[in-house]
Protein backbone atom coordinates (compact mmCIF):
# COMPACT_ATOMS: atom_id res chain seq x y z
CA MET A 1 54.82 -4.29 -17.50
CA ILE A 2 52.54 -7.27 -16.85
CA GLN A 3 49.93 -6.54 -14.18
CA GLN A 4 49.73 -9.02 -11.34
CA HIS A 5 46.32 -10.08 -10.01
CA THR A 6 46.67 -11.47 -6.51
CA GLY A 7 43.85 -13.25 -4.76
CA GLU A 8 42.28 -14.31 -8.06
CA LYS A 9 41.48 -18.02 -8.56
CA ILE A 10 41.70 -19.45 -12.08
CA LEU A 11 40.13 -22.66 -13.39
CA ILE A 12 41.79 -24.35 -16.38
CA VAL A 13 39.61 -26.79 -18.33
CA ASP A 14 41.31 -28.87 -21.03
CA ASP A 15 41.38 -32.59 -21.85
CA GLU A 16 45.09 -32.38 -22.83
CA ILE A 17 47.29 -32.98 -19.78
CA ASN A 18 50.24 -31.14 -21.35
CA ILE A 19 48.19 -27.94 -21.77
CA ARG A 20 46.95 -28.17 -18.18
CA SER A 21 50.46 -28.72 -16.82
CA VAL A 22 51.99 -25.83 -18.77
CA LEU A 23 49.26 -23.40 -17.71
CA LEU A 24 49.32 -24.50 -14.07
CA LYS A 25 53.10 -24.00 -13.92
CA HIS A 26 52.85 -20.64 -15.66
CA PHE A 27 50.23 -19.25 -13.27
CA GLU A 28 52.12 -20.63 -10.27
CA GLU A 29 55.23 -18.75 -11.41
CA GLU A 30 53.14 -15.62 -11.89
CA GLY A 31 51.84 -15.90 -8.34
CA SER A 32 48.26 -16.74 -9.27
CA GLU A 33 46.21 -19.56 -7.77
CA ALA A 34 45.04 -22.03 -10.41
CA ILE A 35 43.50 -25.49 -10.51
CA ALA A 36 42.71 -27.70 -13.47
CA SER A 37 39.94 -30.00 -14.74
CA SER A 38 40.12 -32.52 -17.52
CA SER A 39 36.50 -32.10 -18.62
CA ALA A 40 33.66 -29.64 -18.57
CA LEU A 41 31.51 -31.90 -16.39
CA GLU A 42 34.30 -32.13 -13.79
CA ALA A 43 34.70 -28.35 -13.92
CA LEU A 44 30.99 -27.77 -13.29
CA GLU A 45 31.24 -29.93 -10.18
CA GLN A 46 34.23 -27.93 -8.97
CA MET A 47 32.27 -24.70 -9.53
CA LYS A 48 29.61 -25.89 -7.10
CA ASN A 49 32.10 -25.81 -4.22
CA GLN A 50 34.52 -23.05 -5.24
CA SER A 51 34.37 -19.57 -6.71
CA PHE A 52 36.59 -18.67 -9.66
CA SER A 53 37.47 -15.25 -11.01
CA LEU A 54 38.43 -16.64 -14.42
CA ILE A 55 37.92 -19.84 -16.42
CA ILE A 56 40.16 -20.79 -19.35
CA SER A 57 38.52 -23.56 -21.37
CA ASP A 58 39.27 -25.58 -24.47
CA VAL A 59 36.50 -25.96 -27.06
CA MET A 60 36.91 -29.53 -28.27
CA MET A 61 36.53 -31.84 -25.26
CA PRO A 62 34.80 -35.21 -24.79
CA GLY A 63 31.41 -35.22 -23.08
CA MET A 64 30.67 -31.53 -23.35
CA SER A 65 32.11 -28.87 -25.64
CA GLY A 66 33.71 -25.71 -24.34
CA VAL A 67 30.90 -23.60 -25.84
CA GLU A 68 28.21 -25.59 -24.04
CA PHE A 69 30.31 -25.47 -20.87
CA LEU A 70 30.52 -21.68 -21.27
CA ARG A 71 26.73 -21.47 -21.57
CA MET A 72 26.17 -23.49 -18.38
CA ALA A 73 29.01 -21.87 -16.42
CA LYS A 74 27.64 -18.38 -17.15
CA LYS A 75 24.22 -19.42 -15.86
CA GLN A 76 25.81 -20.81 -12.72
CA CYS A 77 28.30 -17.96 -12.12
CA PRO A 78 27.54 -15.01 -14.40
CA GLU A 79 30.30 -12.82 -12.93
CA THR A 80 33.13 -15.26 -13.75
CA ALA A 81 35.37 -14.09 -16.61
CA PHE A 82 35.85 -16.59 -19.46
CA ILE A 83 38.53 -17.18 -22.10
CA ILE A 84 38.08 -19.80 -24.84
CA ILE A 85 41.08 -21.55 -26.41
CA THR A 86 40.98 -23.94 -29.39
CA GLY A 87 43.25 -25.73 -31.80
CA LEU A 88 40.96 -24.93 -34.75
CA MET A 89 40.14 -21.40 -35.83
CA ASP A 90 36.39 -21.40 -36.43
CA ILE A 91 34.81 -17.97 -36.83
CA ASN A 92 31.33 -19.28 -35.94
CA THR A 93 32.62 -20.83 -32.72
CA ALA A 94 34.38 -17.58 -31.87
CA ILE A 95 31.21 -15.55 -32.47
CA ASP A 96 29.11 -17.97 -30.42
CA SER A 97 31.61 -17.83 -27.56
CA LEU A 98 31.69 -14.03 -27.46
CA ARG A 99 27.90 -13.87 -27.73
CA LEU A 100 27.57 -16.19 -24.72
CA GLY A 101 29.85 -13.97 -22.62
CA ALA A 102 33.45 -15.07 -23.28
CA PHE A 103 35.90 -12.20 -22.95
CA ASP A 104 38.45 -13.49 -25.43
CA PHE A 105 39.08 -16.29 -27.94
CA LEU A 106 42.60 -17.62 -28.49
CA THR A 107 43.87 -20.26 -30.94
CA LYS A 108 46.55 -22.87 -30.24
CA PRO A 109 49.45 -22.66 -30.26
CA PHE A 110 49.60 -19.38 -28.35
CA GLU A 111 52.37 -17.57 -26.55
CA LEU A 112 52.09 -17.48 -22.78
CA THR A 113 52.65 -13.72 -22.79
CA ALA A 114 49.64 -13.33 -25.11
CA LEU A 115 47.56 -15.48 -22.80
CA ARG A 116 48.75 -13.49 -19.80
CA ARG A 117 47.68 -10.24 -21.45
CA ALA A 118 44.27 -11.73 -22.23
CA VAL A 119 43.98 -12.94 -18.63
CA ASP A 120 44.90 -9.51 -17.25
CA ARG A 121 42.39 -7.79 -19.52
CA ALA A 122 39.66 -10.27 -18.59
CA LEU A 123 40.32 -9.88 -14.86
CA ASP A 124 40.47 -6.08 -15.16
CA ARG A 125 37.15 -6.07 -16.98
CA ARG A 126 35.62 -8.38 -14.37
CA ARG A 127 36.91 -6.13 -11.58
CA LEU A 128 35.37 -3.08 -13.27
CA LEU A 129 32.07 -4.90 -13.73
CA LEU A 130 32.04 -5.89 -10.06
CA GLU A 131 32.93 -2.35 -8.98
CA ASN A 132 30.18 -0.94 -11.19
CA ARG A 133 27.71 -3.40 -9.73
CA PHE A 134 28.83 -2.50 -6.23
CA TYR A 135 28.50 1.23 -6.95
CA ARG A 136 25.08 0.66 -8.53
CA GLU A 137 23.88 -1.40 -5.58
CA GLU A 138 25.32 1.13 -3.16
CA LEU A 139 23.59 3.95 -5.04
CA GLU A 140 20.32 2.00 -5.01
CA ARG A 141 20.76 1.37 -1.29
CA GLN A 142 21.37 5.07 -0.65
CA VAL A 143 18.35 5.97 -2.79
CA ARG A 144 16.22 3.54 -0.78
CA GLU A 145 17.52 5.01 2.46
CA ARG A 146 16.94 8.59 1.28
CA THR A 147 13.50 7.65 0.02
CA PHE A 148 12.67 6.08 3.37
CA GLU A 149 13.99 9.16 5.19
CA LEU A 150 12.01 11.43 2.87
CA ASN A 151 8.85 9.40 3.40
CA GLU A 152 9.43 9.54 7.15
CA ALA A 153 9.92 13.30 6.93
CA LEU A 154 6.79 13.70 4.83
CA TYR A 155 4.86 11.58 7.29
CA ASP A 156 6.12 13.77 10.14
CA VAL A 157 5.08 16.87 8.21
CA GLU A 158 1.64 15.38 7.55
CA GLU A 159 1.30 14.49 11.23
CA SER A 160 2.34 18.03 12.19
CA TYR A 161 -0.25 19.41 9.77
CA LYS A 162 -2.88 17.11 11.23
CA ILE A 163 -2.09 17.96 14.85
CA THR A 164 -1.97 21.69 14.11
CA LEU A 165 -5.26 21.65 12.22
CA GLU A 166 -7.00 19.56 14.84
CA ALA A 167 -5.75 21.88 17.61
CA LEU A 168 -7.07 24.89 15.71
CA VAL A 169 -10.42 23.26 15.04
CA THR A 170 -10.74 22.05 18.64
CA ALA A 171 -10.22 25.63 19.78
CA LEU A 172 -12.90 26.84 17.36
CA ASP A 173 -15.35 24.13 18.42
CA ALA A 174 -14.72 24.98 22.06
CA ARG A 175 -15.63 28.58 21.31
CA GLU A 176 -19.12 27.38 20.38
CA HIS A 177 -19.81 25.78 23.73
CA GLU A 178 -22.57 23.46 22.55
CA THR A 179 -20.79 22.10 19.46
CA HIS A 180 -17.82 20.22 20.93
CA ALA A 181 -16.38 17.67 18.44
CA HIS A 182 -18.67 18.92 15.67
CA SER A 183 -15.79 19.37 13.21
CA GLN A 184 -14.33 15.95 14.01
CA ARG A 185 -17.70 14.29 13.57
CA VAL A 186 -18.46 15.92 10.23
CA ARG A 187 -14.98 15.01 8.99
CA GLU A 188 -15.58 11.33 9.79
CA TYR A 189 -19.07 11.52 8.28
CA THR A 190 -17.64 13.17 5.17
CA LEU A 191 -14.93 10.55 4.74
CA ALA A 192 -17.45 7.70 5.09
CA LEU A 193 -19.80 9.20 2.50
CA SER A 194 -16.93 10.16 0.16
CA GLN A 195 -15.62 6.60 0.16
CA ASN A 196 -19.11 5.33 -0.59
CA LEU A 197 -19.13 7.66 -3.61
CA GLY A 198 -15.79 6.31 -4.83
CA LEU A 199 -13.38 9.07 -3.79
CA LYS A 200 -9.83 7.89 -3.11
CA HIS A 201 -6.38 8.98 -1.98
CA ASP A 202 -5.73 12.73 -2.33
CA ASP A 203 -9.40 13.51 -2.93
CA LEU A 204 -10.28 11.89 0.40
CA ILE A 205 -7.55 13.84 2.17
CA GLN A 206 -8.78 17.14 0.76
CA VAL A 207 -12.48 16.58 1.53
CA GLY A 208 -11.50 15.51 5.03
CA ARG A 209 -9.53 18.71 5.52
CA GLY A 210 -12.33 20.79 4.04
CA ALA A 211 -14.84 19.21 6.41
CA LEU A 212 -12.57 19.66 9.42
CA LEU A 213 -11.91 23.33 8.61
CA HIS A 214 -15.35 24.28 7.26
CA ASP A 215 -16.07 26.72 10.08
CA VAL A 216 -12.62 28.27 10.37
CA GLY A 217 -14.10 31.52 9.07
CA LYS A 218 -16.15 31.85 12.26
CA ILE A 219 -12.98 33.14 13.85
CA GLY A 220 -14.05 36.44 12.29
CA VAL A 221 -17.62 36.34 13.66
CA GLN A 222 -18.45 38.24 16.86
CA ASP A 223 -19.12 36.15 19.97
CA SER A 224 -22.41 37.97 20.47
CA ILE A 225 -23.60 36.47 17.19
CA LEU A 226 -21.81 33.13 17.31
CA LEU A 227 -22.91 32.31 20.86
CA LYS A 228 -26.38 33.85 20.79
CA PRO A 229 -28.77 31.41 22.59
CA ALA A 230 -31.59 32.16 20.17
CA LYS A 231 -32.24 32.48 16.46
CA LEU A 232 -30.33 35.24 14.67
CA ASN A 233 -32.05 38.33 13.31
CA GLU A 234 -31.56 39.46 9.70
CA GLU A 235 -28.62 41.73 10.44
CA GLU A 236 -26.88 39.01 12.46
CA TRP A 237 -27.44 36.48 9.66
CA ILE A 238 -25.73 38.83 7.20
CA GLU A 239 -22.65 38.79 9.42
CA MET A 240 -22.82 35.02 9.99
CA LYS A 241 -23.03 34.36 6.25
CA LYS A 242 -19.62 35.94 5.79
CA HIS A 243 -17.81 33.06 7.48
CA PRO A 244 -17.35 30.86 4.35
CA GLN A 245 -15.61 33.71 2.53
CA ILE A 246 -13.53 34.56 5.62
CA GLY A 247 -12.48 30.90 5.91
CA TYR A 248 -11.60 30.76 2.22
CA ASN A 249 -9.50 33.90 2.51
CA ILE A 250 -7.61 32.37 5.43
CA LEU A 251 -6.88 29.04 3.69
CA GLN A 252 -6.54 29.70 -0.04
CA SER A 253 -3.01 31.15 0.22
CA ILE A 254 -1.78 28.04 2.09
CA GLU A 255 -0.69 25.69 -0.69
CA PHE A 256 -1.53 22.34 0.92
CA LEU A 257 -4.93 23.66 2.02
CA SER A 258 -5.97 25.41 -1.19
CA PRO A 259 -8.13 22.47 -2.45
CA ALA A 260 -9.83 22.30 0.97
CA ALA A 261 -10.41 26.07 0.81
CA GLU A 262 -12.87 25.54 -2.07
CA ILE A 263 -14.97 23.26 0.13
CA VAL A 264 -14.85 25.79 2.95
CA LEU A 265 -16.04 28.52 0.57
CA CYS A 266 -18.92 26.46 -0.83
CA HIS A 267 -20.08 24.39 2.14
CA GLN A 268 -23.24 26.53 2.58
CA GLU A 269 -24.25 26.47 -1.10
CA ARG A 270 -27.44 24.59 -2.07
CA TRP A 271 -28.22 22.32 -5.01
CA ASP A 272 -31.08 24.65 -6.04
CA GLY A 273 -28.87 27.77 -5.96
CA LYS A 274 -30.43 29.32 -2.85
CA GLY A 275 -27.36 28.97 -0.65
CA TYR A 276 -24.54 31.37 0.13
CA PRO A 277 -22.13 33.13 -0.31
CA ASN A 278 -22.26 32.95 -4.14
CA GLY A 279 -25.58 31.27 -4.95
CA LEU A 280 -23.95 28.39 -6.83
CA ALA A 281 -26.23 25.59 -8.02
CA GLY A 282 -25.96 21.96 -9.15
CA PHE A 283 -22.62 20.74 -10.40
CA ASP A 284 -21.08 24.21 -10.12
CA ILE A 285 -20.74 23.37 -6.43
CA PRO A 286 -17.60 21.27 -5.77
CA LEU A 287 -18.39 17.64 -5.03
CA GLY A 288 -16.68 17.83 -1.63
CA ALA A 289 -18.97 20.69 -0.62
CA ARG A 290 -22.06 18.80 -1.86
CA ILE A 291 -21.03 15.80 0.23
CA PHE A 292 -20.31 17.96 3.25
CA ALA A 293 -23.68 19.75 3.06
CA VAL A 294 -25.52 16.46 3.66
CA VAL A 295 -23.47 15.27 6.64
CA ASP A 296 -23.31 18.76 8.16
CA THR A 297 -27.10 18.76 8.25
CA LEU A 298 -27.03 15.29 9.82
CA ASP A 299 -24.74 16.48 12.59
CA ALA A 300 -26.62 19.75 13.12
CA MET A 301 -29.92 17.94 13.55
CA THR A 302 -28.54 15.21 15.82
CA SER A 303 -26.65 17.59 18.13
CA ASP A 304 -27.89 19.79 20.93
CA ARG A 305 -28.09 23.50 20.13
CA PRO A 306 -28.61 26.49 22.48
CA TYR A 307 -32.16 26.86 21.14
CA ARG A 308 -33.21 23.16 20.82
CA LYS A 309 -32.37 19.59 21.77
CA ALA A 310 -30.90 17.00 19.39
CA MET A 311 -33.24 15.12 17.08
CA SER A 312 -33.07 11.39 16.42
CA PHE A 313 -31.05 10.00 13.49
CA ASP A 314 -34.22 8.62 11.92
CA VAL A 315 -35.77 12.09 11.86
CA ALA A 316 -32.59 13.59 10.43
CA LEU A 317 -32.40 10.99 7.66
CA GLU A 318 -36.00 11.61 6.65
CA GLU A 319 -35.38 15.37 6.54
CA ILE A 320 -32.35 14.85 4.30
CA ARG A 321 -34.36 12.53 2.05
CA ALA A 322 -37.08 15.20 1.77
CA CYS A 323 -34.52 17.85 0.76
CA SER A 324 -32.98 15.78 -2.06
CA GLY A 325 -33.01 17.80 -5.27
CA THR A 326 -33.53 21.13 -3.50
CA GLN A 327 -30.98 21.60 -0.76
CA PHE A 328 -28.88 18.54 -1.61
CA ASP A 329 -27.43 16.75 -4.63
CA PRO A 330 -29.76 13.74 -5.27
CA ARG A 331 -26.86 11.40 -6.07
CA VAL A 332 -25.12 12.29 -2.82
CA VAL A 333 -28.34 11.79 -0.86
CA SER A 334 -28.84 8.38 -2.49
CA ALA A 335 -25.33 7.32 -1.47
CA PHE A 336 -25.90 8.73 2.01
CA LEU A 337 -29.14 6.77 2.50
CA SER A 338 -27.48 3.57 1.27
CA ILE A 339 -25.30 3.59 4.40
CA PRO A 340 -27.05 1.95 7.38
CA THR A 341 -28.23 4.29 10.11
CA GLU A 342 -26.25 2.23 12.60
CA SER A 343 -23.04 3.22 10.81
CA TRP A 344 -23.74 6.94 11.28
CA ILE A 345 -24.61 6.39 14.94
CA ALA A 346 -21.39 4.38 15.43
CA ILE A 347 -19.29 7.20 13.97
CA HIS A 348 -21.12 9.75 16.13
CA ASP A 349 -20.58 7.76 19.32
CA SER A 350 -16.96 6.89 18.52
CA VAL A 351 -15.92 10.50 17.93
CA ASN A 352 -17.77 11.71 21.02
CA LYS A 353 -16.17 9.03 23.18
CA LEU A 354 -12.71 9.94 21.91
CA HIS A 355 -13.41 13.64 22.41
CA LYS A 356 -14.53 13.11 26.01
CA ALA A 357 -11.47 10.98 26.74
CA GLN A 358 -9.23 13.71 25.35
CA ASP A 359 -11.00 16.37 27.42
CA CYS A 360 -10.42 14.27 30.53
CA PHE A 361 -6.75 13.72 29.66
CA ASN A 362 -6.19 17.43 29.03
CA ALA A 363 -7.79 18.29 32.37
CA LEU A 364 -5.48 15.90 34.21
CA CYS A 365 -2.34 16.57 32.13
CA PRO A 366 -2.55 20.00 30.46
CA PRO A 367 -0.34 20.23 27.33
CA SER A 368 2.89 22.18 27.82
CA ASN A 369 2.06 24.50 24.91
CA THR A 370 -1.30 25.62 26.29
CA PHE A 371 -2.15 29.12 25.09
CA GLN A 372 -1.07 31.82 27.56
């Protein structure tokens, strides 16, 4: 049974009027829409204004051959099916036609039933190609949508992480009454210095988290030690020095915080090996911890403490310069000093301003999830 293709438009291109008339009548009787052109140039003009599912073209025509017409038609409408017909059987012409995208190659004289079968096969193949393209484009669209949704979900997760961590750190900073916004400041200092040293992407994220969470282990330190308004005695220092290990123990089992946990563990180590808790020295100390050690000292010296008032930034910078090679990594200190003092002051003031604004907002509009 011959398959009928309704809604398909066919273009017949042949310089012989008898061939055009026979094919037009045949397709009309079959219920297909067909129009004819007497030359390839005329056909190309018709293709500018109309879309065709199939083109049936002679090879030997004046002005432009069927093979050259095929080449140009495929560039103009690559999804149009193509059948070549010719009065001379030339294997090279047949090969060239198929290579350029013709679906079939028929020689004159041909039976109309044979042509009809070739037409049906060509239209079926075109339909399959279009369906495959549609399915591919639909799949690509769905992948783009899913990727966008996944990225949105990941962003939401990251934001949730960020909010949760900042809430935790704010609570810890508030516990040390004189160190409000300390963790936020040292995070911003750490990110600025890390970028100056060439850290990027995930490394920046991890050093930022490490800086923000560096004192999380103080949750295990007694208030009588943590809030003492004077210098600690030897026994109290032994307890205080446990906080890097406590912080590491809290964070290292949390997968997305495990890289930051290394910074938390090592943030009190010294370049000369005289730090704690493990007495690491030089490059055995993670780079993030070496960076943090410098900016933590900057913030400690330029902030008020229960036992002293804040020092100036100029004094703090000179102290850090003096400790290069002993307390601090010389390369990190060099990068630190290459950043203008005004930049450190700007970060300090910006974080403090934001922190005060947030304090004011929370006082006026307490969050609904305030701890009971």
